[in-house]
Amino acid sequence: MNLNRIKEIIKKGLKRFMKVVVNLFCNKLFHRMLYIISISVVVKITMDINLYISILKY
């Protein structure tokens, strides 16, 4: 194997590795955003329900 061939193999490996890392990072970020959005929606709904109940009591 000559030096250029080794360089090509390393470049291809690095590209593939970076693709995997970027995909994993984006998926984690996406799941975290979904998690935060769902939590905020649940909190908003419970606050609205509590407000509604307190209005009904008075």
PDB file of N, CA and C in Angstrom:
ATOM      1  N   MET A   1       0.845  -1.200   0.000  1.00  0.00           N
ATOM      2  CA  MET A   1       0.000   0.000   0.000  1.00  0.00           C
ATOM      3  C   MET A   1       0.875   1.243   0.000  1.00  0.00           C
ATOM      4  N   ASN A   2       0.575   2.165  -0.894  1.00  0.00           N
ATOM      5  CA  ASN A   2       1.337   3.408  -0.881  1.00  0.00           C
ATOM      6  C   ASN A   2       0.660   4.438   0.025  1.00  0.00           C
ATOM      7  N   LEU A   3       1.342   5.539   0.226  1.00  0.00           N
ATOM      8  CA  LEU A   3       0.896   6.541   1.195  1.00  0.00           C
ATOM      9  C   LEU A   3      -0.442   7.168   0.796  1.00  0.00           C
ATOM     10  N   ASN A   4      -0.625   7.443  -0.508  1.00  0.00           N
ATOM     11  CA  ASN A   4      -1.867   8.077  -0.956  1.00  0.00           C
ATOM     12  C   ASN A   4      -3.071   7.192  -0.679  1.00  0.00           C
ATOM     13  N   ARG A   5      -2.904   5.891  -0.890  1.00  0.00           N
ATOM     14  CA  ARG A   5      -4.009   4.952  -0.637  1.00  0.00           C
ATOM     15  C   ARG A   5      -4.397   4.983   0.841  1.00  0.00           C
ATOM     16  N   ILE A   6      -3.397   4.993   1.707  1.00  0.00           N
ATOM     17  CA  ILE A   6      -3.670   5.039   3.149  1.00  0.00           C
ATOM     18  C   ILE A   6      -4.395   6.336   3.501  1.00  0.00           C
ATOM     19  N   LYS A   7      -3.951   7.446   2.920  1.00  0.00           N
ATOM     20  CA  LYS A   7      -4.612   8.733   3.183  1.00  0.00           C
ATOM     21  C   LYS A   7      -6.075   8.694   2.752  1.00  0.00           C
ATOM     22  N   GLU A   8      -6.348   8.119   1.585  1.00  0.00           N
ATOM     23  CA  GLU A   8      -7.733   8.026   1.097  1.00  0.00           C
ATOM     24  C   GLU A   8      -8.592   7.221   2.064  1.00  0.00           C
ATOM     25  N   ILE A   9      -8.057   6.083   2.521  1.00  0.00           N
ATOM     26  CA  ILE A   9      -8.824   5.234   3.450  1.00  0.00           C
ATOM     27  C   ILE A   9      -9.117   6.001   4.735  1.00  0.00           C
ATOM     28  N   ILE A  10      -8.121   6.720   5.241  1.00  0.00           N
ATOM     29  CA  ILE A  10      -8.321   7.478   6.484  1.00  0.00           C
ATOM     30  C   ILE A  10      -9.364   8.568   6.271  1.00  0.00           C
ATOM     31  N   LYS A  11      -9.295   9.260   5.130  1.00  0.00           N
ATOM     32  CA  LYS A  11     -10.275  10.318   4.852  1.00  0.00           C
ATOM     33  C   LYS A  11     -11.691   9.754   4.801  1.00  0.00           C
ATOM     34  N   LYS A  12     -11.858   8.617   4.092  1.00  0.00           N
ATOM     35  CA  LYS A  12     -13.192   8.014   4.003  1.00  0.00           C
ATOM     36  C   LYS A  12     -13.697   7.609   5.375  1.00  0.00           C
ATOM     37  N   GLY A  13     -12.821   7.015   6.173  1.00  0.00           N
ATOM     38  CA  GLY A  13     -13.202   6.596   7.525  1.00  0.00           C
ATOM     39  C   GLY A  13     -13.619   7.779   8.373  1.00  0.00           C
ATOM     40  N   LEU A  14     -12.854   8.860   8.279  1.00  0.00           N
ATOM     41  CA  LEU A  14     -13.179  10.052   9.062  1.00  0.00           C
ATOM     42  C   LEU A  14     -14.513  10.643   8.630  1.00  0.00           C
ATOM     43  N   LYS A  15     -14.754  10.689   7.317  1.00  0.00           N
ATOM     44  CA  LYS A  15     -16.029  11.227   6.829  1.00  0.00           C
ATOM     45  C   LYS A  15     -17.191  10.413   7.382  1.00  0.00           C
ATOM     46  N   ARG A  16     -17.067   9.078   7.293  1.00  0.00           N
ATOM     47  CA  ARG A  16     -18.135   8.218   7.779  1.00  0.00           C
ATOM     48  C   ARG A  16     -18.339   8.420   9.277  1.00  0.00           C
ATOM     49  N   PHE A  17     -17.232   8.483  10.014  1.00  0.00           N
ATOM     50  CA  PHE A  17     -17.292   8.670  11.466  1.00  0.00           C
ATOM     51  C   PHE A  17     -17.976   9.992  11.810  1.00  0.00           C
ATOM     52  N   MET A  18     -17.614  11.069  11.103  1.00  0.00           N
ATOM     53  CA  MET A  18     -18.217  12.369  11.372  1.00  0.00           C
ATOM     54  C   MET A  18     -19.711  12.356  11.063  1.00  0.00           C
ATOM     55  N   LYS A  19     -20.101  11.652   9.991  1.00  0.00           N
ATOM     56  CA  LYS A  19     -21.526  11.548   9.674  1.00  0.00           C
ATOM     57  C   LYS A  19     -22.281  10.902  10.821  1.00  0.00           C
ATOM     58  N   VAL A  20     -21.736   9.806  11.342  1.00  0.00           N
ATOM     59  CA  VAL A  20     -22.394   9.093  12.446  1.00  0.00           C
ATOM     60  C   VAL A  20     -22.504   9.997  13.667  1.00  0.00           C
ATOM     61  N   VAL A  21     -21.405  10.699  13.989  1.00  0.00           N
ATOM     62  CA  VAL A  21     -21.408  11.575  15.168  1.00  0.00           C
ATOM     63  C   VAL A  21     -22.442  12.689  15.011  1.00  0.00           C
ATOM     64  N   VAL A  22     -22.475  13.301  13.820  1.00  0.00           N
ATOM     65  CA  VAL A  22     -23.426  14.399  13.590  1.00  0.00           C
ATOM     66  C   VAL A  22     -24.860  13.888  13.681  1.00  0.00           C
ATOM     67  N   ASN A  23     -25.123  12.705  13.101  1.00  0.00           N
ATOM     68  CA  ASN A  23     -26.472  12.143  13.171  1.00  0.00           C
ATOM     69  C   ASN A  23     -26.877  11.876  14.611  1.00  0.00           C
ATOM     70  N   LEU A  24     -25.981  11.281  15.394  1.00  0.00           N
ATOM     71  CA  LEU A  24     -26.291  10.997  16.798  1.00  0.00           C
ATOM     72  C   LEU A  24     -26.567  12.294  17.550  1.00  0.00           C
ATOM     73  N   PHE A  25     -25.720  13.312  17.325  1.00  0.00           N
ATOM     74  CA  PHE A  25     -25.878  14.579  18.031  1.00  0.00           C
ATOM     75  C   PHE A  25     -27.209  15.229  17.676  1.00  0.00           C
ATOM     76  N   CYS A  26     -27.555  15.237  16.367  1.00  0.00           N
ATOM     77  CA  CYS A  26     -28.811  15.857  15.936  1.00  0.00           C
ATOM     78  C   CYS A  26     -30.005  15.112  16.521  1.00  0.00           C
ATOM     79  N   ASN A  27     -29.940  13.775  16.537  1.00  0.00           N
ATOM     80  CA  ASN A  27     -31.039  13.000  17.103  1.00  0.00           C
ATOM     81  C   ASN A  27     -31.203  13.305  18.586  1.00  0.00           C
ATOM     82  N   LYS A  28     -30.095  13.386  19.318  1.00  0.00           N
ATOM     83  CA  LYS A  28     -30.180  13.695  20.743  1.00  0.00           C
ATOM     84  C   LYS A  28     -30.793  15.070  20.947  1.00  0.00           C
ATOM     85  N   LEU A  29     -30.338  16.046  20.150  1.00  0.00           N
ATOM     86  CA  LEU A  29     -30.846  17.406  20.264  1.00  0.00           C
ATOM     87  C   LEU A  29     -32.347  17.432  19.969  1.00  0.00           C
ATOM     88  N   PHE A  30     -32.759  16.706  18.921  1.00  0.00           N
ATOM     89  CA  PHE A  30     -34.162  16.658  18.525  1.00  0.00           C
ATOM     90  C   PHE A  30     -35.008  16.056  19.642  1.00  0.00           C
ATOM     91  N   HIS A  31     -34.529  14.940  20.232  1.00  0.00           N
ATOM     92  CA  HIS A  31     -35.285  14.298  21.307  1.00  0.00           C
ATOM     93  C   HIS A  31     -35.374  15.219  22.519  1.00  0.00           C
ATOM     94  N   ARG A  32     -34.284  15.919  22.820  1.00  0.00           N
ATOM     95  CA  ARG A  32     -34.306  16.832  23.968  1.00  0.00           C
ATOM     96  C   ARG A  32     -35.301  17.960  23.731  1.00  0.00           C
ATOM     97  N   MET A  33     -35.341  18.500  22.501  1.00  0.00           N
ATOM     98  CA  MET A  33     -36.295  19.573  22.198  1.00  0.00           C
ATOM     99  C   MET A  33     -37.725  19.069  22.324  1.00  0.00           C
ATOM    100  N   LEU A  34     -37.993  17.861  21.800  1.00  0.00           N
ATOM    101  CA  LEU A  34     -39.334  17.289  21.925  1.00  0.00           C
ATOM    102  C   LEU A  34     -39.708  17.126  23.390  1.00  0.00           C
ATOM    103  N   TYR A  35     -38.761  16.647  24.203  1.00  0.00           N
ATOM    104  CA  TYR A  35     -38.985  16.431  25.628  1.00  0.00           C
ATOM    105  C   TYR A  35     -39.345  17.748  26.312  1.00  0.00           C
ATOM    106  N   ILE A  36     -38.572  18.801  26.016  1.00  0.00           N
ATOM    107  CA  ILE A  36     -38.817  20.107  26.640  1.00  0.00           C
ATOM    108  C   ILE A  36     -40.171  20.659  26.207  1.00  0.00           C
ATOM    109  N   ILE A  37     -40.498  20.519  24.917  1.00  0.00           N
ATOM    110  CA  ILE A  37     -41.776  21.036  24.415  1.00  0.00           C
ATOM    111  C   ILE A  37     -42.942  20.300  25.072  1.00  0.00           C
ATOM    112  N   SER A  38     -42.841  18.974  25.179  1.00  0.00           N
ATOM    113  CA  SER A  38     -43.940  18.211  25.777  1.00  0.00           C
ATOM    114  C   SER A  38     -44.105  18.572  27.247  1.00  0.00           C
ATOM    115  N   ILE A  39     -42.992  18.765  27.969  1.00  0.00           N
ATOM    116  CA  ILE A  39     -43.089  19.147  29.380  1.00  0.00           C
ATOM    117  C   ILE A  39     -43.764  20.505  29.512  1.00  0.00           C
ATOM    118  N   SER A  40     -43.387  21.470  28.668  1.00  0.00           N
ATOM    119  CA  SER A  40     -43.974  22.804  28.777  1.00  0.00           C
ATOM    120  C   SER A  40     -45.464  22.769  28.445  1.00  0.00           C
ATOM    121  N   VAL A  41     -45.853  21.923  27.484  1.00  0.00           N
ATOM    122  CA  VAL A  41     -47.278  21.805  27.145  1.00  0.00           C
ATOM    123  C   VAL A  41     -48.054  21.230  28.321  1.00  0.00           C
ATOM    124  N   VAL A  42     -47.510  20.195  28.955  1.00  0.00           N
ATOM    125  CA  VAL A  42     -48.187  19.583  30.106  1.00  0.00           C
ATOM    126  C   VAL A  42     -48.318  20.593  31.239  1.00  0.00           C
ATOM    127  N   VAL A  43     -47.262  21.353  31.502  1.00  0.00           N
ATOM    128  CA  VAL A  43     -47.311  22.357  32.571  1.00  0.00           C
ATOM    129  C   VAL A  43     -48.372  23.403  32.262  1.00  0.00           C
ATOM    130  N   LYS A  44     -48.428  23.845  31.013  1.00  0.00           N
ATOM    131  CA  LYS A  44     -49.427  24.854  30.621  1.00  0.00           C
ATOM    132  C   LYS A  44     -50.843  24.321  30.820  1.00  0.00           C
ATOM    133  N   ILE A  45     -51.078  23.078  30.409  1.00  0.00           N
ATOM    134  CA  ILE A  45     -52.416  22.496  30.547  1.00  0.00           C
ATOM    135  C   ILE A  45     -52.803  22.392  32.015  1.00  0.00           C
ATOM    136  N   THR A  46     -51.885  21.923  32.866  1.00  0.00           N
ATOM    137  CA  THR A  46     -52.218  21.794  34.289  1.00  0.00           C
ATOM    138  C   THR A  46     -52.460  23.166  34.908  1.00  0.00           C
ATOM    139  N   MET A  47     -51.707  24.182  34.500  1.00  0.00           N
ATOM    140  CA  MET A  47     -51.942  25.529  35.025  1.00  0.00           C
ATOM    141  C   MET A  47     -53.314  26.036  34.599  1.00  0.00           C
ATOM    142  N   ASP A  48     -53.691  25.788  33.347  1.00  0.00           N
ATOM    143  CA  ASP A  48     -55.008  26.214  32.874  1.00  0.00           C
ATOM    144  C   ASP A  48     -56.113  25.513  33.650  1.00  0.00           C
ATOM    145  N   ILE A  49     -55.938  24.213  33.893  1.00  0.00           N
ATOM    146  CA  ILE A  49     -56.955  23.460  34.632  1.00  0.00           C
ATOM    147  C   ILE A  49     -57.076  23.999  36.051  1.00  0.00           C
ATOM    148  N   ASN A  50     -55.949  24.275  36.702  1.00  0.00           N
ATOM    149  CA  ASN A  50     -55.983  24.820  38.061  1.00  0.00           C
ATOM    150  C   ASN A  50     -56.670  26.176  38.081  1.00  0.00           C
ATOM    151  N   LEU A  51     -56.388  27.004  37.099  1.00  0.00           N
ATOM    152  CA  LEU A  51     -57.019  28.322  37.010  1.00  0.00           C
ATOM    153  C   LEU A  51     -58.533  28.168  36.841  1.00  0.00           C
ATOM    154  N   TYR A  52     -58.929  27.253  35.957  1.00  0.00           N
ATOM    155  CA  TYR A  52     -60.347  27.010  35.696  1.00  0.00           C
ATOM    156  C   TYR A  52     -61.053  26.537  36.965  1.00  0.00           C
ATOM    157  N   ILE A  53     -60.419  25.623  37.702  1.00  0.00           N
ATOM    158  CA  ILE A  53     -61.021  25.100  38.935  1.00  0.00           C
ATOM    159  C   ILE A  53     -61.150  26.217  39.962  1.00  0.00           C
ATOM    160  N   SER A  54     -60.125  27.044  40.091  1.00  0.00           N
ATOM    161  CA  SER A  54     -60.180  28.122  41.083  1.00  0.00           C
ATOM    162  C   SER A  54     -61.248  29.148  40.704  1.00  0.00           C
ATOM    163  N   ILE A  55     -61.470  29.364  39.414  1.00  0.00           N
ATOM    164  CA  ILE A  55     -62.526  30.291  38.989  1.00  0.00           C
ATOM    165  C   ILE A  55     -63.897  29.682  39.303  1.00  0.00           C
ATOM    166  N   LEU A  56     -64.044  28.381  39.083  1.00  0.00           N
ATOM    167  CA  LEU A  56     -65.320  27.724  39.358  1.00  0.00           C
ATOM    168  C   LEU A  56     -65.653  27.745  40.846  1.00  0.00           C
ATOM    169  N   LYS A  57     -64.635  27.676  41.704  1.00  0.00           N
ATOM    170  CA  LYS A  57     -64.888  27.640  43.146  1.00  0.00           C
ATOM    171  C   LYS A  57     -65.474  28.956  43.636  1.00  0.00           C
ATOM    172  N   TYR A  58     -65.051  30.074  43.020  1.00  0.00           N
ATOM    173  CA  TYR A  58     -65.492  31.380  43.515  1.00  0.00           C
ATOM    174  C   TYR A  58     -66.744  31.863  42.841  1.00  0.00           C
TER     175      TYR A  58
END
